[in-house]
C-alpha cells in the first residue's frame, strides 16, 4: 500500500525527514513551518516522524547485530557469564576492601603499645562513649 496520495506528498515527506535530521536549508525549513501551520494532521505527522527519528538515534545495535544475536546462542550465553563474573568480581573486591581497610582502621583505634618493662604494670580500660 502506497501511503502517498500524490507526488507532492512524497516530496514533502522527504523534506520533512531532511528537516528532522537537521539537513534542511533555511528556505526548506520555512516551507516546513508553513506546512505545519496549514493543518493539525501535518503536525501529528511531524511528531510521528520525529519520534521515529529519535528512536533510531537511541538504538545502539544495528539490525545486522540483532539478527546475529538471534542466530548465535553461544554469544548470549557468554554475555550472561561475563555479567555474572563482573558481579562476583565486584563483590569480592568490595568485601576485600572492607575487611582489609575499614575494619583494620577500626582496630587500629584501640591498639596501644607500651614499652616492655617488668617494673611497670598498666591497666587499660576501654571507656564507652554511650555513658555507661
N, C-alpha and C. Protein backbone atom coordinates (compact mmCIF):
# COMPACT_ATOMS: atom_id res chain seq x y z
N UNK A 1 0.85 -1.19 0.00
CA UNK A 1 0.00 0.00 0.00
C UNK A 1 0.89 1.25 0.00
N UNK A 2 0.62 2.14 -0.89
CA UNK A 2 1.38 3.38 -1.00
C UNK A 2 0.75 4.42 -0.08
N UNK A 3 1.54 4.98 0.83
CA UNK A 3 0.98 5.94 1.78
C UNK A 3 0.91 7.35 1.22
N UNK A 4 1.47 7.56 0.04
CA UNK A 4 1.47 8.89 -0.57
C UNK A 4 0.29 9.02 -1.53
N UNK A 5 -0.46 10.09 -1.37
CA UNK A 5 -1.60 10.34 -2.25
C UNK A 5 -1.11 10.84 -3.60
N UNK A 6 -0.13 11.72 -3.56
CA UNK A 6 0.43 12.25 -4.81
C UNK A 6 1.93 12.50 -4.64
N UNK A 7 2.53 12.95 -5.71
CA UNK A 7 3.98 13.16 -5.72
C UNK A 7 4.40 14.28 -4.76
N UNK A 8 3.56 15.30 -4.60
CA UNK A 8 3.92 16.41 -3.70
C UNK A 8 3.96 15.94 -2.24
N UNK A 9 3.07 14.97 -1.88
CA UNK A 9 3.12 14.41 -0.52
C UNK A 9 4.44 13.68 -0.29
N UNK A 10 4.88 12.97 -1.30
CA UNK A 10 6.14 12.24 -1.20
C UNK A 10 7.31 13.21 -1.04
N UNK A 11 7.29 14.28 -1.81
CA UNK A 11 8.36 15.28 -1.71
C UNK A 11 8.33 15.97 -0.35
N UNK A 12 7.14 16.25 0.17
CA UNK A 12 7.03 16.89 1.47
C UNK A 12 7.53 15.95 2.57
N UNK A 13 7.24 14.67 2.42
CA UNK A 13 7.72 13.69 3.39
C UNK A 13 9.25 13.63 3.39
N UNK A 14 9.85 13.65 2.22
CA UNK A 14 11.31 13.65 2.12
C UNK A 14 11.90 14.93 2.71
N UNK A 15 11.24 16.05 2.45
CA UNK A 15 11.69 17.32 3.01
C UNK A 15 11.56 17.32 4.54
N UNK A 16 10.48 16.75 5.04
CA UNK A 16 10.27 16.65 6.48
C UNK A 16 11.37 15.81 7.14
N UNK A 17 11.72 14.70 6.52
CA UNK A 17 12.81 13.87 7.04
C UNK A 17 14.13 14.62 7.03
N UNK A 18 14.35 15.38 5.99
CA UNK A 18 15.57 16.18 5.89
C UNK A 18 15.59 17.24 7.00
N UNK A 19 14.43 17.87 7.25
CA UNK A 19 14.30 18.89 8.29
C UNK A 19 14.56 18.29 9.67
N UNK A 20 13.97 17.15 9.94
CA UNK A 20 14.13 16.49 11.23
C UNK A 20 15.59 16.11 11.47
N UNK A 21 16.28 15.67 10.43
CA UNK A 21 17.69 15.29 10.55
C UNK A 21 18.60 16.50 10.67
N UNK A 22 18.04 17.71 10.46
CA UNK A 22 18.84 18.92 10.59
C UNK A 22 19.62 19.27 9.33
N UNK A 23 19.20 18.73 8.20
CA UNK A 23 19.91 18.96 6.94
C UNK A 23 19.17 19.88 5.98
N UNK A 24 18.11 20.50 6.43
CA UNK A 24 17.30 21.36 5.54
C UNK A 24 17.90 22.76 5.48
N UNK A 25 17.76 23.38 4.32
CA UNK A 25 18.22 24.76 4.16
C UNK A 25 17.22 25.69 4.85
N UNK A 26 17.57 26.97 4.89
CA UNK A 26 16.69 27.96 5.51
C UNK A 26 15.35 28.03 4.78
N UNK A 27 15.39 28.00 3.46
CA UNK A 27 14.17 28.06 2.65
C UNK A 27 13.32 26.81 2.89
N UNK A 28 13.96 25.64 2.95
CA UNK A 28 13.23 24.39 3.20
C UNK A 28 12.63 24.38 4.60
N UNK A 29 13.35 24.92 5.57
CA UNK A 29 12.82 24.99 6.94
C UNK A 29 11.60 25.88 7.00
N UNK A 30 11.64 27.01 6.28
CA UNK A 30 10.47 27.89 6.25
C UNK A 30 9.27 27.19 5.60
N UNK A 31 9.54 26.42 4.57
CA UNK A 31 8.45 25.67 3.90
C UNK A 31 7.83 24.66 4.87
N UNK A 32 8.65 23.99 5.64
CA UNK A 32 8.14 23.03 6.64
C UNK A 32 7.29 23.75 7.68
N UNK A 33 7.75 24.90 8.16
CA UNK A 33 6.99 25.64 9.17
C UNK A 33 5.62 26.07 8.62
N UNK A 34 5.59 26.50 7.38
CA UNK A 34 4.31 26.85 6.74
C UNK A 34 3.41 25.62 6.64
N UNK A 35 3.99 24.52 6.23
CA UNK A 35 3.23 23.28 6.07
C UNK A 35 2.64 22.82 7.41
N UNK A 36 3.42 22.97 8.49
CA UNK A 36 2.93 22.58 9.83
C UNK A 36 1.76 23.45 10.27
N UNK A 37 1.77 24.72 9.90
CA UNK A 37 0.69 25.63 10.29
C UNK A 37 -0.59 25.40 9.49
N UNK A 38 -0.47 24.77 8.33
CA UNK A 38 -1.63 24.56 7.45
C UNK A 38 -2.68 23.62 8.04
N UNK A 39 -2.24 22.57 8.72
CA UNK A 39 -3.21 21.55 9.15
C UNK A 39 -2.69 20.84 10.41
N UNK A 40 -3.62 20.52 11.28
CA UNK A 40 -3.29 19.79 12.51
C UNK A 40 -2.72 18.40 12.18
N UNK A 41 -3.20 17.80 11.11
CA UNK A 41 -2.71 16.48 10.68
C UNK A 41 -1.22 16.55 10.32
N UNK A 42 -0.80 17.66 9.76
CA UNK A 42 0.62 17.82 9.41
C UNK A 42 1.48 17.81 10.67
N UNK A 43 1.00 18.47 11.71
CA UNK A 43 1.74 18.49 12.97
C UNK A 43 1.83 17.09 13.58
N UNK A 44 0.74 16.34 13.50
CA UNK A 44 0.77 14.95 14.00
C UNK A 44 1.77 14.11 13.21
N UNK A 45 1.79 14.31 11.90
CA UNK A 45 2.74 13.57 11.07
C UNK A 45 4.18 13.93 11.42
N UNK A 46 4.43 15.22 11.67
CA UNK A 46 5.76 15.66 12.08
C UNK A 46 6.16 14.98 13.39
N UNK A 47 5.27 15.00 14.37
CA UNK A 47 5.57 14.39 15.67
C UNK A 47 5.83 12.89 15.52
N UNK A 48 5.05 12.23 14.67
CA UNK A 48 5.24 10.80 14.46
C UNK A 48 6.62 10.51 13.86
N UNK A 49 6.98 11.27 12.84
CA UNK A 49 8.27 11.05 12.20
C UNK A 49 9.42 11.45 13.12
N UNK A 50 9.21 12.49 13.90
CA UNK A 50 10.26 12.92 14.85
C UNK A 50 10.49 11.84 15.90
N UNK A 51 9.42 11.24 16.37
CA UNK A 51 9.54 10.17 17.36
C UNK A 51 10.31 8.98 16.78
N UNK A 52 9.99 8.61 15.55
CA UNK A 52 10.71 7.51 14.89
C UNK A 52 12.19 7.85 14.73
N UNK A 53 12.47 9.08 14.36
CA UNK A 53 13.86 9.52 14.19
C UNK A 53 14.61 9.43 15.52
N UNK A 54 13.98 9.91 16.60
CA UNK A 54 14.61 9.85 17.93
C UNK A 54 14.88 8.42 18.37
N UNK A 55 13.94 7.52 18.08
CA UNK A 55 14.13 6.12 18.44
C UNK A 55 15.33 5.54 17.72
N UNK A 56 15.48 5.87 16.45
CA UNK A 56 16.61 5.34 15.70
C UNK A 56 17.93 5.90 16.21
N UNK A 57 17.93 7.10 16.74
CA UNK A 57 19.16 7.66 17.31
C UNK A 57 19.59 6.90 18.55
N UNK A 58 18.63 6.45 19.35
CA UNK A 58 18.95 5.76 20.60
C UNK A 58 19.23 4.28 20.41
N UNK A 59 18.90 3.76 19.25
CA UNK A 59 19.14 2.34 19.00
C UNK A 59 20.64 2.12 18.87
N UNK A 60 21.21 1.29 19.75
CA UNK A 60 22.66 1.08 19.77
C UNK A 60 23.09 -0.09 18.90
N UNK A 61 22.19 -0.98 18.58
CA UNK A 61 22.54 -2.15 17.79
C UNK A 61 21.93 -2.03 16.40
N UNK A 62 22.71 -2.39 15.43
CA UNK A 62 22.19 -2.37 14.07
C UNK A 62 21.33 -3.60 13.84
N UNK A 63 20.47 -3.58 12.85
CA UNK A 63 19.66 -4.76 12.55
C UNK A 63 20.50 -6.01 12.28
N UNK A 64 21.68 -5.82 11.71
CA UNK A 64 22.57 -6.95 11.45
C UNK A 64 23.03 -7.57 12.77
N UNK A 65 23.38 -6.71 13.76
CA UNK A 65 23.79 -7.22 15.07
C UNK A 65 22.66 -7.98 15.76
N UNK A 66 21.46 -7.46 15.65
CA UNK A 66 20.30 -8.10 16.27
C UNK A 66 20.06 -9.47 15.64
N UNK A 67 20.14 -9.55 14.33
CA UNK A 67 19.97 -10.85 13.64
C UNK A 67 21.08 -11.82 14.05
N UNK A 68 22.31 -11.33 14.18
CA UNK A 68 23.43 -12.19 14.54
C UNK A 68 23.23 -12.75 15.95
N UNK A 69 22.73 -11.93 16.87
CA UNK A 69 22.49 -12.41 18.23
C UNK A 69 21.43 -13.50 18.25
N UNK A 70 20.42 -13.36 17.42
CA UNK A 70 19.38 -14.38 17.37
C UNK A 70 19.93 -15.69 16.84
N UNK A 71 20.88 -15.62 15.93
CA UNK A 71 21.45 -16.82 15.34
C UNK A 71 22.51 -17.46 16.23
N UNK A 72 23.13 -16.71 17.11
CA UNK A 72 24.27 -17.20 17.87
C UNK A 72 23.93 -17.31 19.36
N UNK A 73 23.36 -18.44 19.79
CA UNK A 73 23.01 -18.59 21.22
C UNK A 73 24.24 -18.64 22.12
N UNK A 74 25.38 -19.08 21.59
CA UNK A 74 26.60 -19.12 22.39
C UNK A 74 27.01 -17.72 22.82
N UNK A 75 26.83 -16.76 21.95
CA UNK A 75 27.16 -15.37 22.28
C UNK A 75 26.30 -14.86 23.43
N UNK A 76 25.02 -15.21 23.42
CA UNK A 76 24.13 -14.79 24.51
C UNK A 76 24.55 -15.43 25.82
N UNK A 77 24.93 -16.70 25.79
CA UNK A 77 25.36 -17.40 27.00
C UNK A 77 26.64 -16.77 27.53
N UNK A 78 27.58 -16.48 26.65
CA UNK A 78 28.83 -15.85 27.08
C UNK A 78 28.58 -14.46 27.67
N UNK A 79 27.63 -13.75 27.11
CA UNK A 79 27.28 -12.43 27.63
C UNK A 79 26.76 -12.54 29.06
N UNK A 80 25.92 -13.51 29.32
CA UNK A 80 25.39 -13.72 30.67
C UNK A 80 26.52 -14.11 31.63
N UNK A 81 27.42 -14.98 31.18
CA UNK A 81 28.54 -15.41 32.03
C UNK A 81 29.43 -14.23 32.38
N UNK A 82 29.69 -13.37 31.42
CA UNK A 82 30.53 -12.19 31.69
C UNK A 82 29.86 -11.27 32.69
N UNK A 83 28.56 -11.10 32.60
CA UNK A 83 27.85 -10.25 33.56
C UNK A 83 27.90 -10.83 34.96
N UNK A 84 27.71 -12.13 35.07
CA UNK A 84 27.78 -12.78 36.39
C UNK A 84 29.19 -12.65 36.96
N UNK A 85 30.20 -12.86 36.13
CA UNK A 85 31.59 -12.73 36.58
C UNK A 85 31.88 -11.32 37.07
N UNK A 86 31.34 -10.33 36.40
CA UNK A 86 31.55 -8.94 36.82
C UNK A 86 30.94 -8.69 38.19
N UNK A 87 29.77 -9.24 38.44
CA UNK A 87 29.13 -9.08 39.75
C UNK A 87 29.97 -9.76 40.84
N UNK A 88 30.49 -10.95 40.55
CA UNK A 88 31.30 -11.68 41.51
C UNK A 88 32.59 -10.91 41.82
N UNK A 89 33.25 -10.41 40.78
CA UNK A 89 34.49 -9.65 40.99
C UNK A 89 34.22 -8.40 41.81
N UNK A 90 33.13 -7.71 41.52
CA UNK A 90 32.78 -6.52 42.29
C UNK A 90 32.53 -6.86 43.75
N UNK A 91 31.81 -7.95 44.00
CA UNK A 91 31.50 -8.36 45.37
C UNK A 91 32.77 -8.73 46.12
N UNK A 92 33.64 -9.49 45.51
CA UNK A 92 34.89 -9.90 46.16
C UNK A 92 35.77 -8.68 46.44
N UNK A 93 35.89 -7.78 45.48
CA UNK A 93 36.71 -6.59 45.67
C UNK A 93 36.17 -5.70 46.79
N UNK A 94 34.86 -5.54 46.83
CA UNK A 94 34.25 -4.73 47.88
C UNK A 94 34.46 -5.36 49.25
N UNK A 95 34.28 -6.66 49.34
CA UNK A 95 34.49 -7.37 50.62
C UNK A 95 35.94 -7.27 51.05
N UNK A 96 36.87 -7.45 50.13
CA UNK A 96 38.29 -7.34 50.46
C UNK A 96 38.62 -5.95 50.98
N UNK A 97 38.15 -4.93 50.28
CA UNK A 97 38.41 -3.56 50.70
C UNK A 97 37.85 -3.31 52.09
N UNK A 98 36.63 -3.74 52.32
CA UNK A 98 36.00 -3.51 53.61
C UNK A 98 36.75 -4.20 54.73
N UNK A 99 37.08 -5.47 54.55
CA UNK A 99 37.74 -6.22 55.63
C UNK A 99 39.18 -5.80 55.85
N UNK A 100 39.88 -5.40 54.82
CA UNK A 100 41.29 -5.07 54.98
C UNK A 100 41.57 -3.60 55.24
N UNK A 101 40.63 -2.75 54.96
CA UNK A 101 40.87 -1.33 55.19
C UNK A 101 39.97 -0.76 56.27
N UNK A 102 38.70 -0.93 56.14
CA UNK A 102 37.76 -0.33 57.09
C UNK A 102 37.88 -0.99 58.46
N UNK A 103 37.84 -2.32 58.50
CA UNK A 103 37.91 -3.00 59.79
C UNK A 103 39.27 -2.84 60.45
N UNK A 104 40.33 -2.84 59.66
CA UNK A 104 41.67 -2.65 60.25
C UNK A 104 41.82 -1.25 60.80
N UNK A 105 41.22 -0.26 60.17
CA UNK A 105 41.27 1.10 60.70
C UNK A 105 40.54 1.19 62.03
N UNK A 106 39.43 0.48 62.17
CA UNK A 106 38.69 0.47 63.44
C UNK A 106 39.51 -0.20 64.53
N UNK A 107 40.20 -1.30 64.21
CA UNK A 107 41.02 -2.00 65.18
C UNK A 107 42.21 -1.15 65.60
N UNK A 108 42.76 -0.36 64.69
CA UNK A 108 43.92 0.46 65.00
C UNK A 108 43.59 1.53 66.03
N UNK A 109 42.36 1.95 66.13
CA UNK A 109 41.97 2.95 67.12
C UNK A 109 42.14 2.42 68.55
N UNK A 110 42.02 1.13 68.73
CA UNK A 110 42.03 0.56 70.07
C UNK A 110 43.36 -0.10 70.41
N UNK A 111 44.32 -0.09 69.53
CA UNK A 111 45.62 -0.67 69.82
C UNK A 111 46.48 0.37 70.54
N UNK A 112 47.09 -0.06 71.59
CA UNK A 112 48.01 0.81 72.32
C UNK A 112 49.26 0.00 72.60
N UNK A 113 50.39 0.61 72.35
CA UNK A 113 51.63 -0.11 72.63
C UNK A 113 52.37 0.60 73.75
N UNK A 114 52.94 -0.19 74.62
CA UNK A 114 53.69 0.33 75.76
C UNK A 114 55.08 -0.30 75.73
N UNK A 115 56.07 0.39 76.26
CA UNK A 115 57.40 -0.21 76.31
C UNK A 115 57.39 -1.41 77.26
N UNK A 116 58.13 -2.42 76.89
CA UNK A 116 58.18 -3.62 77.73
C UNK A 116 59.03 -3.32 78.96
N UNK A 117 58.43 -3.50 80.09
CA UNK A 117 59.15 -3.25 81.34
C UNK A 117 58.58 -4.15 82.41
N UNK A 118 59.45 -4.76 83.16
CA UNK A 118 58.99 -5.62 84.25
C UNK A 118 58.50 -4.81 85.43
N UNK A 119 58.97 -3.59 85.55
CA UNK A 119 58.65 -2.80 86.72
C UNK A 119 57.30 -2.13 86.62
N UNK A 120 56.79 -1.97 85.47
CA UNK A 120 55.54 -1.24 85.38
C UNK A 120 54.39 -2.16 85.00
N UNK A 121 53.28 -1.90 85.62
CA UNK A 121 52.05 -2.60 85.28
C UNK A 121 51.02 -1.54 84.93
N UNK A 122 50.43 -1.75 83.79
CA UNK A 122 49.48 -0.75 83.32
C UNK A 122 48.15 -1.43 83.08
N UNK A 123 47.14 -0.83 83.62
CA UNK A 123 45.80 -1.34 83.42
C UNK A 123 45.11 -0.44 82.39
N UNK A 124 44.61 -1.06 81.33
CA UNK A 124 43.95 -0.31 80.27
C UNK A 124 42.45 -0.59 80.35
N UNK A 125 41.70 0.46 80.44
CA UNK A 125 40.26 0.32 80.47
C UNK A 125 39.69 1.04 79.24
N UNK A 126 38.78 0.37 78.61
CA UNK A 126 38.10 1.00 77.50
C UNK A 126 36.83 1.63 78.03
N UNK A 127 36.68 2.88 77.74
CA UNK A 127 35.52 3.63 78.22
C UNK A 127 34.59 3.81 77.04
N UNK A 128 33.37 3.42 77.22
CA UNK A 128 32.38 3.51 76.17
C UNK A 128 31.88 4.95 76.06
N UNK A 129 31.59 5.34 74.86
CA UNK A 129 31.05 6.67 74.62
C UNK A 129 29.56 6.75 74.90
N UNK A 130 28.94 5.63 75.22
CA UNK A 130 27.49 5.61 75.44
C UNK A 130 27.12 6.10 76.82
N UNK A 131 28.08 6.32 77.69
CA UNK A 131 27.80 6.86 79.01
C UNK A 131 27.57 5.79 80.05
N UNK A 132 27.93 4.56 79.81
CA UNK A 132 27.71 3.51 80.79
C UNK A 132 28.84 3.48 81.80
